[in-house]
């Protein structure tokens, strides 16, 4: 029971805020992933922002893959003469 006597209100507030902040960050990251999966623009936005907040950058190979996909899409749009719907991608 001595442990309860040693904990001050400042310690309690610190640990409570630390746990609350941790849950808020995890919830925000989960919501961001779900949002980016729902819409392709959101996914591109997420991929653009993620390297800024990440310790490890996106590999150069992945960036080249994305650029190739964009080029193929532009070629398809030029061939058809009109933009493709989401179902045709």
PDB file of N, CA and C in Angstrom:
ATOM      1  N   UNK A   1       0.798  -1.205   0.000  1.00  0.00           N
ATOM      2  CA  UNK A   1       0.000   0.000   0.000  1.00  0.00           C
ATOM      3  C   UNK A   1       0.839   1.267   0.000  1.00  0.00           C
ATOM      4  N   UNK A   2       2.132   1.104   0.206  1.00  0.00           N
ATOM      5  CA  UNK A   2       3.002   2.278   0.205  1.00  0.00           C
ATOM      6  C   UNK A   2       3.101   2.921  -1.179  1.00  0.00           C
ATOM      7  N   UNK A   3       2.887   2.122  -2.221  1.00  0.00           N
ATOM      8  CA  UNK A   3       2.988   2.678  -3.577  1.00  0.00           C
ATOM      9  C   UNK A   3       1.926   3.742  -3.826  1.00  0.00           C
ATOM     10  N   UNK A   4       0.735   3.560  -3.243  1.00  0.00           N
ATOM     11  CA  UNK A   4      -0.322   4.553  -3.433  1.00  0.00           C
ATOM     12  C   UNK A   4      -0.019   5.852  -2.699  1.00  0.00           C
ATOM     13  N   UNK A   5       0.759   5.764  -1.657  1.00  0.00           N
ATOM     14  CA  UNK A   5       1.129   6.970  -0.915  1.00  0.00           C
ATOM     15  C   UNK A   5       2.228   7.750  -1.623  1.00  0.00           C
ATOM     16  N   UNK A   6       3.016   7.046  -2.445  1.00  0.00           N
ATOM     17  CA  UNK A   6       4.127   7.697  -3.147  1.00  0.00           C
ATOM     18  C   UNK A   6       3.691   8.387  -4.437  1.00  0.00           C
ATOM     19  N   UNK A   7       2.560   7.996  -4.984  1.00  0.00           N
ATOM     20  CA  UNK A   7       2.080   8.596  -6.235  1.00  0.00           C
ATOM     21  C   UNK A   7       1.427   9.935  -5.922  1.00  0.00           C
ATOM     22  N   UNK A   8       1.938  10.960  -6.566  1.00  0.00           N
ATOM     23  CA  UNK A   8       1.354  12.285  -6.373  1.00  0.00           C
ATOM     24  C   UNK A   8       0.362  12.567  -7.493  1.00  0.00           C
ATOM     25  N   UNK A   9      -0.376  13.627  -7.354  1.00  0.00           N
ATOM     26  CA  UNK A   9      -1.362  14.003  -8.365  1.00  0.00           C
ATOM     27  C   UNK A   9      -0.664  14.394  -9.671  1.00  0.00           C
ATOM     28  N   UNK A  10       0.540  14.966  -9.578  1.00  0.00           N
ATOM     29  CA  UNK A  10       1.300  15.322 -10.775  1.00  0.00           C
ATOM     30  C   UNK A  10       1.699  14.083 -11.567  1.00  0.00           C
ATOM     31  N   UNK A  11       2.112  13.042 -10.856  1.00  0.00           N
ATOM     32  CA  UNK A  11       2.446  11.790 -11.526  1.00  0.00           C
ATOM     33  C   UNK A  11       1.216  11.199 -12.214  1.00  0.00           C
ATOM     34  N   UNK A  12       0.110  11.222 -11.504  1.00  0.00           N
ATOM     35  CA  UNK A  12      -1.128  10.687 -12.062  1.00  0.00           C
ATOM     36  C   UNK A  12      -1.532  11.448 -13.320  1.00  0.00           C
ATOM     37  N   UNK A  13      -1.470  12.749 -13.306  1.00  0.00           N
ATOM     38  CA  UNK A  13      -1.837  13.563 -14.471  1.00  0.00           C
ATOM     39  C   UNK A  13      -0.885  13.290 -15.627  1.00  0.00           C
ATOM     40  N   UNK A  14       0.400  13.168 -15.341  1.00  0.00           N
ATOM     41  CA  UNK A  14       1.385  12.896 -16.388  1.00  0.00           C
ATOM     42  C   UNK A  14       1.103  11.567 -17.078  1.00  0.00           C
ATOM     43  N   UNK A  15       0.957  10.507 -16.297  1.00  0.00           N
ATOM     44  CA  UNK A  15       0.735   9.187 -16.884  1.00  0.00           C
ATOM     45  C   UNK A  15      -0.631   9.080 -17.567  1.00  0.00           C
ATOM     46  N   UNK A  16      -1.632   9.706 -16.991  1.00  0.00           N
ATOM     47  CA  UNK A  16      -2.958   9.708 -17.616  1.00  0.00           C
ATOM     48  C   UNK A  16      -2.914  10.425 -18.969  1.00  0.00           C
ATOM     49  N   UNK A  17      -2.248  11.566 -19.027  1.00  0.00           N
ATOM     50  CA  UNK A  17      -2.164  12.305 -20.294  1.00  0.00           C
ATOM     51  C   UNK A  17      -1.308  11.550 -21.306  1.00  0.00           C
ATOM     52  N   UNK A  18      -0.262  10.874 -20.854  1.00  0.00           N
ATOM     53  CA  UNK A  18       0.583  10.083 -21.747  1.00  0.00           C
ATOM     54  C   UNK A  18      -0.205   8.928 -22.373  1.00  0.00           C
ATOM     55  N   UNK A  19      -0.980   8.227 -21.577  1.00  0.00           N
ATOM     56  CA  UNK A  19      -1.791   7.119 -22.090  1.00  0.00           C
ATOM     57  C   UNK A  19      -2.880   7.640 -23.012  1.00  0.00           C
ATOM     58  N   UNK A  20      -3.523   8.723 -22.633  1.00  0.00           N
ATOM     59  CA  UNK A  20      -4.580   9.304 -23.470  1.00  0.00           C
ATOM     60  C   UNK A  20      -4.018   9.769 -24.808  1.00  0.00           C
ATOM     61  N   UNK A  21      -2.874  10.401 -24.805  1.00  0.00           N
ATOM     62  CA  UNK A  21      -2.240  10.856 -26.041  1.00  0.00           C
ATOM     63  C   UNK A  21      -1.850   9.665 -26.921  1.00  0.00           C
ATOM     64  N   UNK A  22      -1.356   8.603 -26.307  1.00  0.00           N
ATOM     65  CA  UNK A  22      -0.984   7.406 -27.073  1.00  0.00           C
ATOM     66  C   UNK A  22      -2.199   6.812 -27.774  1.00  0.00           C
ATOM     67  N   UNK A  23      -3.315   6.699 -27.059  1.00  0.00           N
ATOM     68  CA  UNK A  23      -4.534   6.174 -27.679  1.00  0.00           C
ATOM     69  C   UNK A  23      -5.039   7.096 -28.787  1.00  0.00           C
ATOM     70  N   UNK A  24      -4.922   8.391 -28.586  1.00  0.00           N
ATOM     71  CA  UNK A  24      -5.371   9.344 -29.607  1.00  0.00           C
ATOM     72  C   UNK A  24      -4.522   9.230 -30.867  1.00  0.00           C
ATOM     73  N   UNK A  25      -3.219   9.066 -30.719  1.00  0.00           N
ATOM     74  CA  UNK A  25      -2.333   8.914 -31.882  1.00  0.00           C
ATOM     75  C   UNK A  25      -2.654   7.627 -32.628  1.00  0.00           C
ATOM     76  N   UNK A  26      -2.834   6.535 -31.906  1.00  0.00           N
ATOM     77  CA  UNK A  26      -3.159   5.255 -32.544  1.00  0.00           C
ATOM     78  C   UNK A  26      -4.487   5.351 -33.267  1.00  0.00           C
ATOM     79  N   UNK A  27      -5.496   5.946 -32.644  1.00  0.00           N
ATOM     80  CA  UNK A  27      -6.819   6.097 -33.269  1.00  0.00           C
ATOM     81  C   UNK A  27      -6.724   6.965 -34.525  1.00  0.00           C
ATOM     82  N   UNK A  28      -5.948   8.027 -34.457  1.00  0.00           N
ATOM     83  CA  UNK A  28      -5.777   8.909 -35.614  1.00  0.00           C
ATOM     84  C   UNK A  28      -5.104   8.176 -36.768  1.00  0.00           C
ATOM     85  N   UNK A  29      -4.072   7.397 -36.474  1.00  0.00           N
ATOM     86  CA  UNK A  29      -3.393   6.647 -37.525  1.00  0.00           C
ATOM     87  C   UNK A  29      -4.308   5.598 -38.154  1.00  0.00           C
ATOM     88  N   UNK A  30      -5.117   4.934 -37.341  1.00  0.00           N
ATOM     89  CA  UNK A  30      -6.076   3.957 -37.878  1.00  0.00           C
ATOM     90  C   UNK A  30      -7.088   4.657 -38.776  1.00  0.00           C
ATOM     91  N   UNK A  31      -7.612   5.786 -38.329  1.00  0.00           N
ATOM     92  CA  UNK A  31      -8.573   6.540 -39.148  1.00  0.00           C
ATOM     93  C   UNK A  31      -7.938   7.019 -40.448  1.00  0.00           C
ATOM     94  N   UNK A  32      -6.685   7.405 -40.411  1.00  0.00           N
ATOM     95  CA  UNK A  32      -5.990   7.868 -41.606  1.00  0.00           C
ATOM     96  C   UNK A  32      -5.825   6.740 -42.617  1.00  0.00           C
ATOM     97  N   UNK A  33      -5.499   5.553 -42.149  1.00  0.00           N
ATOM     98  CA  UNK A  33      -5.360   4.412 -43.047  1.00  0.00           C
ATOM     99  C   UNK A  33      -6.706   4.028 -43.657  1.00  0.00           C
ATOM    100  N   UNK A  34      -7.750   4.003 -42.852  1.00  0.00           N
ATOM    101  CA  UNK A  34      -9.089   3.667 -43.365  1.00  0.00           C
ATOM    102  C   UNK A  34      -9.536   4.709 -44.387  1.00  0.00           C
ATOM    103  N   UNK A  35      -9.304   5.979 -44.098  1.00  0.00           N
ATOM    104  CA  UNK A  35      -9.687   7.055 -45.017  1.00  0.00           C
ATOM    105  C   UNK A  35      -8.932   6.939 -46.334  1.00  0.00           C
ATOM    106  N   UNK A  36      -7.638   6.630 -46.256  1.00  0.00           N
ATOM    107  CA  UNK A  36      -6.843   6.555 -47.484  1.00  0.00           C
ATOM    108  C   UNK A  36      -7.219   5.343 -48.325  1.00  0.00           C
ATOM    109  N   UNK A  37      -7.743   4.288 -47.703  1.00  0.00           N
ATOM    110  CA  UNK A  37      -8.183   3.120 -48.464  1.00  0.00           C
ATOM    111  C   UNK A  37      -9.511   3.373 -49.166  1.00  0.00           C
ATOM    112  N   UNK A  38     -10.324   4.271 -48.644  1.00  0.00           N
ATOM    113  CA  UNK A  38     -11.637   4.546 -49.234  1.00  0.00           C
ATOM    114  C   UNK A  38     -11.533   5.355 -50.518  1.00  0.00           C
ATOM    115  N   UNK A  39     -10.569   6.225 -50.627  1.00  0.00           N
ATOM    116  CA  UNK A  39     -10.493   7.093 -51.796  1.00  0.00           C
ATOM    117  C   UNK A  39      -9.054   7.163 -52.299  1.00  0.00           C
ATOM    118  N   UNK A  40      -8.883   7.074 -53.599  1.00  0.00           N
ATOM    119  CA  UNK A  40      -7.543   7.049 -54.165  1.00  0.00           C
ATOM    120  C   UNK A  40      -6.799   8.375 -53.937  1.00  0.00           C
ATOM    121  N   UNK A  41      -7.526   9.478 -53.953  1.00  0.00           N
ATOM    122  CA  UNK A  41      -6.885  10.763 -53.687  1.00  0.00           C
ATOM    123  C   UNK A  41      -6.348  10.797 -52.257  1.00  0.00           C
ATOM    124  N   UNK A  42      -7.103  10.204 -51.358  1.00  0.00           N
ATOM    125  CA  UNK A  42      -6.651  10.119 -49.972  1.00  0.00           C
ATOM    126  C   UNK A  42      -5.400   9.278 -49.845  1.00  0.00           C
ATOM    127  N   UNK A  43      -5.334   8.203 -50.621  1.00  0.00           N
ATOM    128  CA  UNK A  43      -4.155   7.340 -50.579  1.00  0.00           C
ATOM    129  C   UNK A  43      -2.935   8.089 -51.104  1.00  0.00           C
ATOM    130  N   UNK A  44      -3.108   8.837 -52.174  1.00  0.00           N
ATOM    131  CA  UNK A  44      -1.987   9.610 -52.706  1.00  0.00           C
ATOM    132  C   UNK A  44      -1.542  10.680 -51.718  1.00  0.00           C
ATOM    133  N   UNK A  45      -2.515  11.310 -51.071  1.00  0.00           N
ATOM    134  CA  UNK A  45      -2.193  12.316 -50.057  1.00  0.00           C
ATOM    135  C   UNK A  45      -1.426  11.673 -48.900  1.00  0.00           C
ATOM    136  N   UNK A  46      -1.900  10.504 -48.470  1.00  0.00           N
ATOM    137  CA  UNK A  46      -1.247   9.782 -47.381  1.00  0.00           C
ATOM    138  C   UNK A  46       0.176   9.399 -47.768  1.00  0.00           C
ATOM    139  N   UNK A  47       0.366   8.919 -49.005  1.00  0.00           N
ATOM    140  CA  UNK A  47       1.697   8.548 -49.462  1.00  0.00           C
ATOM    141  C   UNK A  47       2.605   9.775 -49.590  1.00  0.00           C
ATOM    142  N   UNK A  48       2.024  10.920 -49.891  1.00  0.00           N
ATOM    143  CA  UNK A  48       2.826  12.133 -50.008  1.00  0.00           C
ATOM    144  C   UNK A  48       3.263  12.643 -48.635  1.00  0.00           C
ATOM    145  N   UNK A  49       2.410  12.505 -47.633  1.00  0.00           N
ATOM    146  CA  UNK A  49       2.708  13.020 -46.301  1.00  0.00           C
ATOM    147  C   UNK A  49       3.517  12.026 -45.468  1.00  0.00           C
ATOM    148  N   UNK A  50       3.318  10.735 -45.703  1.00  0.00           N
ATOM    149  CA  UNK A  50       3.954   9.723 -44.851  1.00  0.00           C
ATOM    150  C   UNK A  50       5.470   9.828 -44.773  1.00  0.00           C
ATOM    151  N   UNK A  51       6.191  10.078 -45.876  1.00  0.00           N
ATOM    152  CA  UNK A  51       7.657  10.189 -45.737  1.00  0.00           C
ATOM    153  C   UNK A  51       8.101  11.338 -44.841  1.00  0.00           C
ATOM    154  N   UNK A  52       7.271  12.338 -44.723  1.00  0.00           N
ATOM    155  CA  UNK A  52       7.628  13.471 -43.868  1.00  0.00           C
ATOM    156  C   UNK A  52       7.600  13.055 -42.402  1.00  0.00           C
ATOM    157  N   UNK A  53       6.617  12.224 -42.027  1.00  0.00           N
ATOM    158  CA  UNK A  53       6.497  11.816 -40.631  1.00  0.00           C
ATOM    159  C   UNK A  53       7.189  10.494 -40.352  1.00  0.00           C
ATOM    160  N   UNK A  54       7.760   9.890 -41.362  1.00  0.00           N
ATOM    161  CA  UNK A  54       8.377   8.581 -41.210  1.00  0.00           C
ATOM    162  C   UNK A  54       9.881   8.695 -40.981  1.00  0.00           C
ATOM    163  N   UNK A  55      10.410   7.715 -40.284  1.00  0.00           N
ATOM    164  CA  UNK A  55      11.857   7.655 -40.097  1.00  0.00           C
ATOM    165  C   UNK A  55      12.516   7.122 -41.366  1.00  0.00           C
ATOM    166  N   UNK A  56      11.854   6.142 -41.989  1.00  0.00           N
ATOM    167  CA  UNK A  56      12.384   5.519 -43.188  1.00  0.00           C
ATOM    168  C   UNK A  56      11.665   6.071 -44.413  1.00  0.00           C
ATOM    169  N   UNK A  57      12.398   6.582 -45.388  1.00  0.00           N
ATOM    170  CA  UNK A  57      11.753   7.133 -46.591  1.00  0.00           C
ATOM    171  C   UNK A  57      11.219   6.024 -47.500  1.00  0.00           C
ATOM    172  N   UNK A  58      10.373   6.410 -48.452  1.00  0.00           N
ATOM    173  CA  UNK A  58       9.858   5.468 -49.434  1.00  0.00           C
ATOM    174  C   UNK A  58      11.012   5.087 -50.360  1.00  0.00           C
ATOM    175  N   UNK A  59      11.191   3.788 -50.624  1.00  0.00           N
ATOM    176  CA  UNK A  59      12.287   3.372 -51.518  1.00  0.00           C
ATOM    177  C   UNK A  59      12.105   3.937 -52.917  1.00  0.00           C
ATOM    178  N   UNK A  60      13.199   4.156 -53.593  1.00  0.00           N
ATOM    179  CA  UNK A  60      13.180   4.731 -54.940  1.00  0.00           C
ATOM    180  C   UNK A  60      12.415   3.830 -55.904  1.00  0.00           C
ATOM    181  N   UNK A  61      12.474   2.504 -55.702  1.00  0.00           N
ATOM    182  CA  UNK A  61      11.762   1.570 -56.581  1.00  0.00           C
ATOM    183  C   UNK A  61      10.257   1.803 -56.522  1.00  0.00           C
ATOM    184  N   UNK A  62       9.732   2.052 -55.334  1.00  0.00           N
ATOM    185  CA  UNK A  62       8.294   2.284 -55.187  1.00  0.00           C
ATOM    186  C   UNK A  62       7.885   3.588 -55.869  1.00  0.00           C
ATOM    187  N   UNK A  63       8.714   4.593 -55.786  1.00  0.00           N
ATOM    188  CA  UNK A  63       8.415   5.866 -56.437  1.00  0.00           C
ATOM    189  C   UNK A  63       8.385   5.672 -57.949  1.00  0.00           C
ATOM    190  N   UNK A  64       9.318   4.877 -58.485  1.00  0.00           N
ATOM    191  CA  UNK A  64       9.332   4.604 -59.922  1.00  0.00           C
ATOM    192  C   UNK A  64       8.096   3.834 -60.346  1.00  0.00           C
ATOM    193  N   UNK A  65       7.641   2.893 -59.517  1.00  0.00           N
ATOM    194  CA  UNK A  65       6.418   2.137 -59.829  1.00  0.00           C
ATOM    195  C   UNK A  65       5.214   3.081 -59.918  1.00  0.00           C
ATOM    196  N   UNK A  66       5.117   3.991 -58.963  1.00  0.00           N
ATOM    197  CA  UNK A  66       4.002   4.946 -58.964  1.00  0.00           C
ATOM    198  C   UNK A  66       4.064   5.829 -60.201  1.00  0.00           C
ATOM    199  N   UNK A  67       5.255   6.276 -60.579  1.00  0.00           N
ATOM    200  CA  UNK A  67       5.400   7.106 -61.777  1.00  0.00           C
ATOM    201  C   UNK A  67       5.010   6.331 -63.030  1.00  0.00           C
ATOM    202  N   UNK A  68       5.382   5.057 -63.106  1.00  0.00           N
ATOM    203  CA  UNK A  68       5.004   4.232 -64.255  1.00  0.00           C
ATOM    204  C   UNK A  68       3.496   4.040 -64.322  1.00  0.00           C
ATOM    205  N   UNK A  69       2.859   3.840 -63.181  1.00  0.00           N
ATOM    206  CA  UNK A  69       1.396   3.693 -63.153  1.00  0.00           C
ATOM    207  C   UNK A  69       0.733   4.981 -63.636  1.00  0.00           C
ATOM    208  N   UNK A  70       1.251   6.127 -63.221  1.00  0.00           N
ATOM    209  CA  UNK A  70       0.702   7.408 -63.666  1.00  0.00           C
ATOM    210  C   UNK A  70       0.867   7.571 -65.178  1.00  0.00           C
ATOM    211  N   UNK A  71       2.048   7.189 -65.706  1.00  0.00           N
ATOM    212  CA  UNK A  71       2.279   7.293 -67.152  1.00  0.00           C
ATOM    213  C   UNK A  71       1.328   6.395 -67.934  1.00  0.00           C
ATOM    214  N   UNK A  72       1.112   5.158 -67.447  1.00  0.00           N
ATOM    215  CA  UNK A  72       0.178   4.248 -68.117  1.00  0.00           C
ATOM    216  C   UNK A  72      -1.234   4.812 -68.107  1.00  0.00           C
ATOM    217  N   UNK A  73      -1.633   5.411 -66.991  1.00  0.00           N
ATOM    218  CA  UNK A  73      -2.962   5.999 -66.903  1.00  0.00           C
ATOM    219  C   UNK A  73      -3.110   7.152 -67.896  1.00  0.00           C
ATOM    220  N   UNK A  74      -2.081   7.988 -67.990  1.00  0.00           N
ATOM    221  CA  UNK A  74      -2.126   9.109 -68.936  1.00  0.00           C
ATOM    222  C   UNK A  74      -2.221   8.595 -70.371  1.00  0.00           C
ATOM    223  N   UNK A  75      -1.493   7.515 -70.692  1.00  0.00           N
ATOM    224  CA  UNK A  75      -1.572   6.932 -72.033  1.00  0.00           C
ATOM    225  C   UNK A  75      -2.973   6.411 -72.321  1.00  0.00           C
ATOM    226  N   UNK A  76      -3.598   5.755 -71.335  1.00  0.00           N
ATOM    227  CA  UNK A  76      -4.960   5.244 -71.531  1.00  0.00           C
ATOM    228  C   UNK A  76      -5.947   6.385 -71.740  1.00  0.00           C
ATOM    229  N   UNK A  77      -5.768   7.463 -70.987  1.00  0.00           N
ATOM    230  CA  UNK A  77      -6.656   8.616 -71.141  1.00  0.00           C
ATOM    231  C   UNK A  77      -6.468   9.235 -72.519  1.00  0.00           C
ATOM    232  N   UNK A  78      -5.231   9.329 -72.994  1.00  0.00           N
ATOM    233  CA  UNK A  78      -4.970   9.892 -74.312  1.00  0.00           C
ATOM    234  C   UNK A  78      -5.550   9.009 -75.418  1.00  0.00           C
ATOM    235  N   UNK A  79      -5.489   7.688 -75.253  1.00  0.00           N
ATOM    236  CA  UNK A  79      -6.038   6.772 -76.263  1.00  0.00           C
ATOM    237  C   UNK A  79      -7.553   6.868 -76.319  1.00  0.00           C
ATOM    238  N   UNK A  80      -8.194   6.921 -75.176  1.00  0.00           N
ATOM    239  CA  UNK A  80      -9.655   6.946 -75.130  1.00  0.00           C
ATOM    240  C   UNK A  80     -10.218   8.339 -75.400  1.00  0.00           C
ATOM    241  N   UNK A  81      -9.477   9.334 -75.060  1.00  0.00           N
ATOM    242  CA  UNK A  81      -9.944  10.697 -75.274  1.00  0.00           C
ATOM    243  C   UNK A  81     -10.766  11.242 -74.133  1.00  0.00           C
ATOM    244  N   UNK A  82     -11.075  10.417 -73.153  1.00  0.00           N
ATOM    245  CA  UNK A  82     -11.827  10.878 -71.993  1.00  0.00           C
ATOM    246  C   UNK A  82     -11.288  10.176 -70.750  1.00  0.00           C
ATOM    247  N   UNK A  83     -11.421  10.802 -69.599  1.00  0.00           N
ATOM    248  CA  UNK A  83     -10.892  10.181 -68.375  1.00  0.00           C
ATOM    249  C   UNK A  83     -11.630   8.890 -68.033  1.00  0.00           C
ATOM    250  N   UNK A  84     -10.900   7.964 -67.412  1.00  0.00           N
ATOM    251  CA  UNK A  84     -11.490   6.700 -67.000  1.00  0.00           C
ATOM    252  C   UNK A  84     -12.209   6.842 -65.679  1.00  0.00           C
ATOM    253  N   UNK A  85     -13.268   6.049 -65.490  1.00  0.00           N
ATOM    254  CA  UNK A  85     -13.950   6.007 -64.211  1.00  0.00           C
ATOM    255  C   UNK A  85     -13.129   5.186 -63.226  1.00  0.00           C
ATOM    256  N   UNK A  86     -13.519   5.230 -61.947  1.00  0.00           N
ATOM    257  CA  UNK A  86     -12.824   4.450 -60.930  1.00  0.00           C
ATOM    258  C   UNK A  86     -12.953   2.956 -61.192  1.00  0.00           C
ATOM    259  N   UNK A  87     -14.070   2.522 -61.798  1.00  0.00           N
ATOM    260  CA  UNK A  87     -14.279   1.100 -62.051  1.00  0.00           C
ATOM    261  C   UNK A  87     -13.399   0.579 -63.190  1.00  0.00           C
ATOM    262  N   UNK A  88     -12.911   1.450 -64.050  1.00  0.00           N
ATOM    263  CA  UNK A  88     -12.117   1.033 -65.191  1.00  0.00           C
ATOM    264  C   UNK A  88     -10.617   1.024 -64.904  1.00  0.00           C
ATOM    265  N   UNK A  89     -10.203   1.509 -63.776  1.00  0.00           N
ATOM    266  CA  UNK A  89      -8.771   1.587 -63.452  1.00  0.00           C
ATOM    267  C   UNK A  89      -8.201   0.217 -63.211  1.00  0.00           C
TER     268      UNK A  89
END
